[in-house]
Amino acid sequence: MGKWPSKTIESSNREFTLEDEIRLLRSKMEQIFIQEQSFTSEIVIEISSLLDLKINEYMKSFPTKK
């Protein structure tokens, strides 16, 4: 992908939880949005997509009861 490393935070440091990764990605996305002043910046979209994947992964770990 573009400027954002394809390695996840967890794979580079096993001490991070999925919740930590989500918080860090969101914070990074917010910082870059402020710098870029654009929701459609390539890097903002890239981080947003990765954040979506992590949120989906998190939601799958807590299945809803039917």
Protein backbone atom coordinates (compact mmCIF):
# COMPACT_ATOMS: atom_id res chain seq x y z
CA MET A 1 0.00 0.00 0.00
CA GLY A 2 0.98 3.67 0.20
CA LYS A 3 2.76 5.53 2.97
CA TRP A 4 1.19 3.55 5.84
CA PRO A 5 3.11 0.35 6.73
CA SER A 6 1.23 -2.83 5.91
CA LYS A 7 2.54 -4.45 9.09
CA THR A 8 0.06 -4.23 11.91
CA ILE A 9 1.06 -2.68 15.19
CA GLU A 10 0.41 -6.00 16.91
CA SER A 11 2.83 -7.90 14.68
CA SER A 12 5.63 -5.45 15.47
CA ASN A 13 4.93 -5.37 19.22
CA ARG A 14 3.07 -8.27 20.84
CA GLU A 15 2.20 -6.17 23.91
CA PHE A 16 -0.50 -4.25 22.01
CA THR A 17 -4.07 -5.54 22.18
CA LEU A 18 -6.56 -5.21 19.36
CA GLU A 19 -8.24 -2.41 21.33
CA ASP A 20 -4.87 -0.62 21.58
CA GLU A 21 -4.39 -0.95 17.84
CA ILE A 22 -7.82 0.53 17.18
CA ARG A 23 -7.15 3.47 19.50
CA LEU A 24 -3.73 4.11 17.96
CA LEU A 25 -5.01 3.90 14.40
CA ARG A 26 -7.87 6.26 15.15
CA SER A 27 -5.51 8.73 16.79
CA LYS A 28 -3.10 8.52 13.86
CA MET A 29 -5.93 8.98 11.38
CA GLU A 30 -7.12 12.08 13.26
CA GLN A 31 -3.60 13.54 13.33
CA ILE A 32 -3.09 12.97 9.62
CA PHE A 33 -6.52 14.42 8.81
CA ILE A 34 -5.51 17.60 10.67
CA GLN A 35 -2.27 17.75 8.69
CA GLU A 36 -3.85 16.97 5.34
CA GLN A 37 -7.13 18.86 5.93
CA SER A 38 -8.88 16.23 3.83
CA PHE A 39 -10.96 13.14 4.44
CA THR A 40 -10.13 12.00 0.92
CA SER A 41 -6.35 12.12 1.29
CA GLU A 42 -4.83 8.81 0.19
CA ILE A 43 -3.18 8.16 3.57
CA VAL A 44 -6.31 9.07 5.55
CA ILE A 45 -8.33 6.63 3.43
CA GLU A 46 -5.67 3.95 3.82
CA ILE A 47 -5.60 4.25 7.62
CA SER A 48 -9.39 4.42 7.71
CA SER A 49 -9.59 1.16 5.75
CA LEU A 50 -7.13 -0.52 8.10
CA LEU A 51 -9.11 0.80 11.05
CA ASP A 52 -12.30 -0.68 9.55
CA LEU A 53 -10.60 -4.08 9.28
CA LYS A 54 -9.45 -3.92 12.91
CA ILE A 55 -12.91 -2.88 14.12
CA ASN A 56 -14.46 -5.77 12.16
CA GLU A 57 -11.90 -8.14 13.68
CA TYR A 58 -12.76 -6.82 17.14
CA MET A 59 -16.53 -7.17 16.53
CA LYS A 60 -16.08 -10.77 15.35
CA SER A 61 -14.39 -11.62 18.63
CA PHE A 62 -17.63 -10.73 20.45
CA PRO A 63 -20.42 -12.55 18.63
CA THR A 64 -23.93 -11.36 19.38
CA LYS A 65 -26.39 -13.70 21.03
CA LYS A 66 -29.53 -14.57 19.05
